[in-house]
Amino acid sequence: MSDDSNHWFRCTIFPWLDYVAGIAVLLNTILMLAQLELDGRAAAVVLGLESRDFTHTLQVMQGFEASFVFFYIVELLLRIWVERLSFFKDVPNLFDCGLVILGIVDVVVSSPFDGVKSPVEDQPSLKLMRSLKSMRALRLVRTFRFVRGLRLLVTACKCFIPSLFWSMVLLAVFMTMGALTLGTTLQTFITDDAVELDAKLWVWSRYGTAFRAIYTMYEVTFAGNWPTNARPVIESVNPLFAIFYIGYITVIVFALIRVISALFLKDTLDAAQSDADLAVVDKKERRRVYVTKLEALFEAIDTKKSGMINEKQLSQITRCRMSTLTLRLWAWM
């Protein structure tokens, strides 16, 4: 096709493609949720919990899934045709290509229209590939930019990713230090023959290995259930462990986490102020309000409804109207 038709498609049809794709992804996500529900019901039949056969319904849903895959193929080809080589320079576009390829493989393997289940469908690799298709719902993020509130949230999420990374690095250092302190100290208690077996098993399940100790400290830091992991140690092992837990909860869980939260809030506010698209929309809205006020002003001046005003009318009425209409000349600059 010619460059003129490409330009026409880019300017008229292409902007609506994101809307249509967003609706399709939303419907496809609902369909995948329904498929998951029926897969669970089918598993319940195998376990003897239910007796209804869901095979036909699942085949119908696989047919709808194949229709969505066909839509994604057409949409992908349209984007490639419009954007040409620049399409492949965008990482999300490559992500979309991968999802479309996974969908094509799934349709070819499952053969949803012949009603015969392929033995390959039960392979773990195919199950994993189908689970990756659920990431298709991430495409909804693209349509968020058309909604002001959602666009602000997405922009804020992009801005606080570096802060999140370094915050997790700092917290990982403290969690590792706590895990090493507790894990090393409690090894003596775990190997003590005079201690009851149940108490030793409980301590070992939380702090017996490096992995278990770090995961327990992760729960203590983020889950809010630190009393369930701290009180048995204080009561069964040694009350002096309360010093460690009080210090960790006060400094890390209370103080440091709130500092990090404040940092995330600052990044969110900065993102809202620096969002160029949002600034353009706000400026257009302010200009529309001022135009409306100016129209009201000139209609009030034009008492004869002639569509024209003279200098005398303007000088007489503007004095009493200007203050109430709160005009701001800088909005027009």
Protein backbone atom coordinates (compact mmCIF):
# COMPACT_ATOMS: atom_id res chain seq x y z
CA MET A 1 0.00 0.00 0.00
CA SER A 2 1.01 3.63 -0.53
CA ASP A 3 2.42 5.96 2.05
CA ASP A 4 -0.77 8.06 1.89
CA SER A 5 -2.94 5.12 2.92
CA ASN A 6 -0.46 4.27 5.65
CA HIS A 7 -0.61 7.83 6.95
CA TRP A 8 -4.42 7.83 6.82
CA PHE A 9 -4.57 4.58 8.77
CA ARG A 10 -2.09 5.87 11.35
CA CYS A 11 -4.07 9.08 11.93
CA THR A 12 -7.66 7.76 11.84
CA ILE A 13 -7.83 4.03 12.60
CA PHE A 14 -4.64 3.32 14.52
CA PRO A 15 -5.50 5.46 17.60
CA TRP A 16 -8.65 3.36 18.10
CA LEU A 17 -6.73 0.12 17.81
CA ASP A 18 -5.52 0.39 21.40
CA TYR A 19 -9.09 0.78 22.60
CA VAL A 20 -10.29 -2.26 20.66
CA ALA A 21 -7.26 -4.30 21.74
CA GLY A 22 -7.82 -3.32 25.38
CA ILE A 23 -11.45 -4.46 25.23
CA ALA A 24 -10.38 -7.71 23.54
CA VAL A 25 -7.73 -8.37 26.20
CA LEU A 26 -10.28 -7.70 28.96
CA LEU A 27 -12.77 -10.14 27.41
CA ASN A 28 -9.99 -12.68 26.86
CA THR A 29 -8.97 -12.37 30.51
CA ILE A 30 -12.56 -13.04 31.59
CA LEU A 31 -12.60 -16.06 29.28
CA MET A 32 -9.36 -17.41 30.79
CA LEU A 33 -10.84 -17.01 34.27
CA ALA A 34 -13.90 -18.98 33.17
CA GLN A 35 -11.63 -21.66 31.68
CA LEU A 36 -9.72 -21.88 34.95
CA GLU A 37 -12.99 -22.26 36.84
CA LEU A 38 -14.12 -25.11 34.58
CA ASP A 39 -10.69 -26.77 34.70
CA GLY A 40 -11.01 -26.79 38.47
CA ARG A 41 -14.52 -28.26 38.22
CA ALA A 42 -13.21 -30.92 35.83
CA ALA A 43 -10.46 -31.76 38.32
CA ALA A 44 -13.17 -32.04 40.99
CA VAL A 45 -14.91 -34.64 38.82
CA VAL A 46 -11.69 -36.68 38.71
CA LEU A 47 -11.43 -36.41 42.50
CA GLY A 48 -15.03 -37.56 42.88
CA LEU A 49 -16.24 -34.23 44.28
CA GLU A 50 -18.56 -33.47 41.34
CA SER A 51 -20.32 -35.55 38.71
CA ARG A 52 -21.10 -33.04 35.94
CA ASP A 53 -19.18 -33.33 32.66
CA PHE A 54 -17.58 -30.06 31.51
CA THR A 55 -15.80 -31.44 28.42
CA HIS A 56 -18.13 -29.86 25.84
CA THR A 57 -18.10 -26.47 27.56
CA LEU A 58 -14.30 -26.47 27.70
CA GLN A 59 -14.13 -27.25 23.98
CA VAL A 60 -16.43 -24.31 23.22
CA MET A 61 -14.21 -22.02 25.27
CA GLN A 62 -11.14 -23.27 23.45
CA GLY A 63 -12.86 -22.26 20.24
CA PHE A 64 -13.40 -18.74 21.59
CA GLU A 65 -9.75 -18.67 22.66
CA ALA A 66 -8.72 -19.52 19.11
CA SER A 67 -10.83 -16.59 17.87
CA PHE A 68 -8.98 -14.23 20.20
CA VAL A 69 -5.66 -15.58 18.91
CA PHE A 70 -6.78 -14.80 15.35
CA PHE A 71 -7.65 -11.24 16.45
CA TYR A 72 -4.22 -10.82 18.05
CA ILE A 73 -2.53 -12.00 14.85
CA VAL A 74 -4.44 -9.45 12.77
CA GLU A 75 -3.73 -6.69 15.27
CA LEU A 76 -0.03 -7.58 15.35
CA LEU A 77 0.23 -7.51 11.56
CA LEU A 78 -1.52 -4.12 11.45
CA ARG A 79 0.91 -2.66 13.95
CA ILE A 80 3.89 -4.00 12.04
CA TRP A 81 2.50 -2.60 8.80
CA VAL A 82 2.00 0.86 10.32
CA GLU A 83 5.13 1.13 12.45
CA ARG A 84 7.47 -0.86 10.17
CA LEU A 85 10.91 -1.45 11.69
CA SER A 86 10.27 0.87 14.62
CA PHE A 87 7.80 -1.70 15.90
CA PHE A 88 10.61 -4.10 16.79
CA LYS A 89 12.53 -1.42 18.71
CA ASP A 90 9.92 -1.39 21.46
CA VAL A 91 10.30 -4.09 24.14
CA PRO A 92 6.53 -4.36 24.88
CA ASN A 93 5.94 -5.03 21.19
CA LEU A 94 8.40 -7.92 21.27
CA PHE A 95 6.57 -9.17 24.35
CA ASP A 96 3.32 -9.09 22.36
CA CYS A 97 4.97 -11.05 19.56
CA GLY A 98 5.98 -13.75 22.01
CA LEU A 99 2.47 -14.00 23.41
CA VAL A 100 0.99 -14.29 19.93
CA ILE A 101 3.42 -17.07 19.07
CA LEU A 102 2.47 -18.91 22.27
CA GLY A 103 -1.19 -18.55 21.34
CA ILE A 104 -0.59 -19.95 17.84
CA VAL A 105 1.28 -22.96 19.24
CA ASP A 106 -1.49 -23.57 21.75
CA VAL A 107 -4.18 -23.47 19.05
CA VAL A 108 -2.22 -25.79 16.76
CA VAL A 109 -1.54 -28.31 19.54
CA SER A 110 -4.97 -28.26 21.18
CA SER A 111 -6.96 -28.33 17.89
CA PRO A 112 -10.03 -26.74 19.47
CA PHE A 113 -12.33 -27.23 16.47
CA ASP A 114 -11.98 -31.00 15.92
CA GLY A 115 -13.24 -32.04 19.38
CA VAL A 116 -10.34 -34.45 19.92
CA LYS A 117 -7.95 -33.93 22.80
CA SER A 118 -4.32 -34.26 21.84
CA PRO A 119 -2.10 -36.30 24.19
CA VAL A 120 0.50 -33.53 23.94
CA GLU A 121 -1.85 -31.22 25.88
CA ASP A 122 -0.99 -32.92 29.16
CA GLN A 123 2.73 -32.25 28.82
CA PRO A 124 4.13 -30.01 31.59
CA SER A 125 5.83 -27.75 29.04
CA LEU A 126 2.50 -27.04 27.33
CA LYS A 127 0.85 -26.41 30.68
CA LEU A 128 3.59 -23.90 31.49
CA MET A 129 3.16 -22.25 28.10
CA ARG A 130 -0.56 -21.87 28.70
CA SER A 131 0.06 -20.35 32.10
CA LEU A 132 2.33 -17.77 30.46
CA LYS A 133 -0.61 -16.69 28.31
CA SER A 134 -2.16 -15.18 31.41
CA MET A 135 0.49 -12.45 31.11
CA ARG A 136 -1.54 -11.22 28.16
CA ALA A 137 -3.60 -9.29 30.70
CA LEU A 138 -0.58 -6.98 31.10
CA ARG A 139 -1.53 -5.48 27.75
CA LEU A 140 -4.33 -3.69 29.55
CA VAL A 141 -1.64 -1.37 30.87
CA ARG A 142 -1.36 0.14 27.39
CA THR A 143 -4.96 1.33 27.50
CA PHE A 144 -4.46 2.89 30.93
CA ARG A 145 -2.89 5.95 29.33
CA PHE A 146 -6.32 6.97 28.03
CA VAL A 147 -7.67 7.26 31.60
CA ARG A 148 -6.15 10.04 33.67
CA GLY A 149 -6.13 8.28 37.03
CA LEU A 150 -4.77 5.01 35.67
CA ARG A 151 -2.16 6.80 33.57
CA LEU A 152 -0.94 8.59 36.69
CA LEU A 153 -0.64 5.30 38.58
CA VAL A 154 1.28 3.62 35.75
CA THR A 155 3.62 6.60 35.45
CA ALA A 156 4.21 6.56 39.20
CA CYS A 157 4.97 2.83 39.09
CA LYS A 158 7.60 3.45 36.44
CA CYS A 159 9.18 6.19 38.54
CA PHE A 160 9.46 4.28 41.80
CA ILE A 161 11.00 1.11 40.30
CA PRO A 162 14.59 2.34 40.93
CA SER A 163 13.66 3.32 44.47
CA LEU A 164 12.00 -0.05 44.97
CA PHE A 165 15.12 -1.88 43.82
CA TRP A 166 17.48 -0.04 46.16
CA SER A 167 15.00 -0.22 49.02
CA MET A 168 14.82 -4.00 48.65
CA VAL A 169 18.62 -4.16 48.54
CA LEU A 170 18.82 -2.25 51.83
CA LEU A 171 16.10 -4.36 53.44
CA ALA A 172 17.74 -7.55 52.16
CA VAL A 173 20.92 -6.58 54.01
CA PHE A 174 19.06 -6.13 57.29
CA MET A 175 16.99 -9.30 56.78
CA THR A 176 20.17 -11.28 56.09
CA MET A 177 21.81 -9.86 59.20
CA GLY A 178 18.78 -10.80 61.28
CA ALA A 179 18.64 -14.29 59.79
CA LEU A 180 22.32 -14.89 60.50
CA THR A 181 21.98 -13.62 64.06
CA LEU A 182 18.94 -15.71 64.94
CA GLY A 183 19.91 -18.77 62.92
CA THR A 184 23.40 -19.00 64.40
CA THR A 185 22.24 -18.32 67.95
CA LEU A 186 19.41 -20.85 67.85
CA GLN A 187 21.55 -23.73 66.54
CA THR A 188 22.58 -24.51 70.11
CA PHE A 189 18.93 -24.76 71.16
CA ILE A 190 18.07 -27.02 68.20
CA THR A 191 20.86 -29.50 69.03
CA ASP A 192 20.23 -29.51 72.80
CA ASP A 193 19.12 -33.00 73.89
CA ALA A 194 17.46 -31.65 77.01
CA VAL A 195 14.89 -29.64 75.03
CA GLU A 196 11.56 -31.11 73.99
CA LEU A 197 11.40 -32.36 70.42
CA ASP A 198 8.32 -30.31 69.48
CA ALA A 199 10.03 -27.06 70.51
CA LYS A 200 13.17 -27.93 68.59
CA LEU A 201 11.17 -28.84 65.48
CA TRP A 202 9.29 -25.53 65.65
CA VAL A 203 12.50 -23.50 65.94
CA TRP A 204 14.16 -25.50 63.17
CA SER A 205 11.20 -25.02 60.83
CA ARG A 206 11.60 -21.22 61.22
CA TYR A 207 15.31 -20.66 61.78
CA GLY A 208 17.06 -24.01 61.21
CA THR A 209 18.57 -23.28 57.78
CA ALA A 210 19.67 -20.17 55.93
CA PHE A 211 16.67 -20.28 53.59
CA ARG A 212 14.18 -20.81 56.43
CA ALA A 213 15.72 -18.04 58.54
CA ILE A 214 15.73 -15.51 55.68
CA TYR A 215 12.14 -16.36 54.72
CA THR A 216 11.05 -16.01 58.35
CA MET A 217 12.71 -12.59 58.53
CA TYR A 218 10.91 -11.66 55.29
CA GLU A 219 7.62 -12.56 56.95
CA VAL A 220 8.57 -10.60 60.07
CA THR A 221 9.41 -7.54 57.94
CA PHE A 222 6.48 -7.47 55.52
CA ALA A 223 3.69 -9.82 56.65
CA GLY A 224 2.90 -8.20 59.97
CA ASN A 225 2.75 -11.58 61.73
CA TRP A 226 6.00 -11.11 63.62
CA PRO A 227 4.47 -12.03 67.03
CA THR A 228 3.84 -15.59 65.84
CA ASN A 229 7.53 -15.93 64.90
CA ALA A 230 8.94 -14.00 67.87
CA ARG A 231 6.91 -14.95 70.95
CA PRO A 232 7.68 -18.73 70.91
CA VAL A 233 11.40 -17.93 70.69
CA ILE A 234 11.16 -15.48 73.59
CA GLU A 235 9.11 -17.84 75.76
CA SER A 236 10.71 -21.19 74.88
CA VAL A 237 14.36 -20.28 74.26
CA ASN A 238 15.39 -17.12 76.11
CA PRO A 239 13.61 -13.86 77.07
CA LEU A 240 16.69 -11.92 75.98
CA PHE A 241 15.65 -12.47 72.37
CA ALA A 242 13.03 -9.81 73.04
CA ILE A 243 15.83 -7.23 72.82
CA PHE A 244 16.58 -8.29 69.25
CA TYR A 245 12.93 -8.38 68.16
CA ILE A 246 12.10 -5.03 69.78
CA GLY A 247 15.07 -3.39 68.07
CA TYR A 248 14.34 -4.97 64.68
CA ILE A 249 10.63 -4.17 64.74
CA THR A 250 11.20 -0.59 65.89
CA VAL A 251 14.04 0.34 63.54
CA ILE A 252 13.30 -1.74 60.43
CA VAL A 253 9.59 -2.59 60.40
CA PHE A 254 8.38 0.68 61.87
CA ALA A 255 10.90 3.40 60.98
CA LEU A 256 12.66 2.25 57.81
CA ILE A 257 9.52 0.94 56.10
CA ARG A 258 7.79 4.27 56.67
CA VAL A 259 10.74 6.17 55.27
CA ILE A 260 10.59 4.00 52.16
CA SER A 261 6.82 4.59 51.91
CA ALA A 262 7.41 8.34 52.09
CA LEU A 263 9.99 8.04 49.31
CA PHE A 264 7.48 6.19 47.14
CA LEU A 265 4.92 8.91 47.80
CA LYS A 266 7.41 11.58 46.78
CA ASP A 267 8.13 9.71 43.53
CA THR A 268 4.41 9.47 42.86
CA LEU A 269 3.89 13.22 43.32
CA ASP A 270 6.90 13.99 41.14
CA ALA A 271 5.53 11.72 38.44
CA ALA A 272 2.17 13.49 38.57
CA GLN A 273 3.84 16.89 38.15
CA SER A 274 6.20 15.79 35.39
CA ASP A 275 3.66 13.88 33.29
CA ALA A 276 3.69 15.82 30.03
CA ASP A 277 0.46 14.28 28.71
CA LEU A 278 -1.36 15.05 31.93
CA ALA A 279 -0.07 18.62 31.85
CA VAL A 280 -1.38 19.11 28.30
CA VAL A 281 -4.81 17.77 29.26
CA ASP A 282 -4.98 20.02 32.31
CA LYS A 283 -3.97 23.06 30.29
CA LYS A 284 -6.65 22.33 27.69
CA GLU A 285 -9.24 21.99 30.42
CA ARG A 286 -8.22 25.31 32.01
CA ARG A 287 -8.34 27.00 28.62
CA ARG A 288 -11.82 25.61 27.99
CA VAL A 289 -13.01 27.03 31.32
CA TYR A 290 -11.59 30.48 30.56
CA VAL A 291 -13.12 30.49 27.09
CA THR A 292 -16.48 29.74 28.65
CA LYS A 293 -16.03 32.65 31.06
CA LEU A 294 -15.05 35.00 28.25
CA GLU A 295 -18.12 33.99 26.25
CA ALA A 296 -20.29 34.70 29.29
CA LEU A 297 -18.59 38.09 29.68
CA PHE A 298 -19.16 39.16 26.08
CA GLU A 299 -22.74 37.91 26.12
CA ALA A 300 -23.36 40.03 29.21
CA ILE A 301 -21.83 43.07 27.50
CA ASP A 302 -23.82 42.58 24.29
CA THR A 303 -27.20 43.54 25.75
CA LYS A 304 -28.71 44.14 22.29
CA LYS A 305 -27.71 40.64 21.09
CA SER A 306 -26.21 42.12 17.94
CA GLY A 307 -23.07 40.05 18.05
CA MET A 308 -20.89 43.16 18.32
CA ILE A 309 -19.77 45.44 21.16
CA ASN A 310 -18.30 48.92 21.11
CA GLU A 311 -15.58 50.45 23.23
CA LYS A 312 -18.02 52.27 25.48
CA GLN A 313 -19.93 49.08 26.39
CA LEU A 314 -16.70 47.26 27.07
CA SER A 315 -15.29 49.97 29.34
CA GLN A 316 -18.52 50.32 31.36
CA ILE A 317 -19.27 46.67 32.07
CA THR A 318 -15.81 45.16 32.19
CA ARG A 319 -15.02 46.97 35.45
CA CYS A 320 -17.77 45.17 37.38
CA ARG A 321 -17.46 41.82 35.59
CA MET A 322 -13.71 41.32 35.53
CA SER A 323 -13.29 40.50 39.22
CA THR A 324 -16.14 37.94 39.32
CA LEU A 325 -14.98 36.05 36.25
CA THR A 326 -11.38 35.60 37.62
CA LEU A 327 -9.63 35.89 34.30
CA ARG A 328 -6.00 34.84 34.15
CA LEU A 329 -4.16 36.18 31.12
CA TRP A 330 -1.25 33.78 31.65
CA ALA A 331 -3.51 30.87 30.67
CA TRP A 332 -3.40 32.13 27.11
CA MET A 333 0.37 32.36 26.96
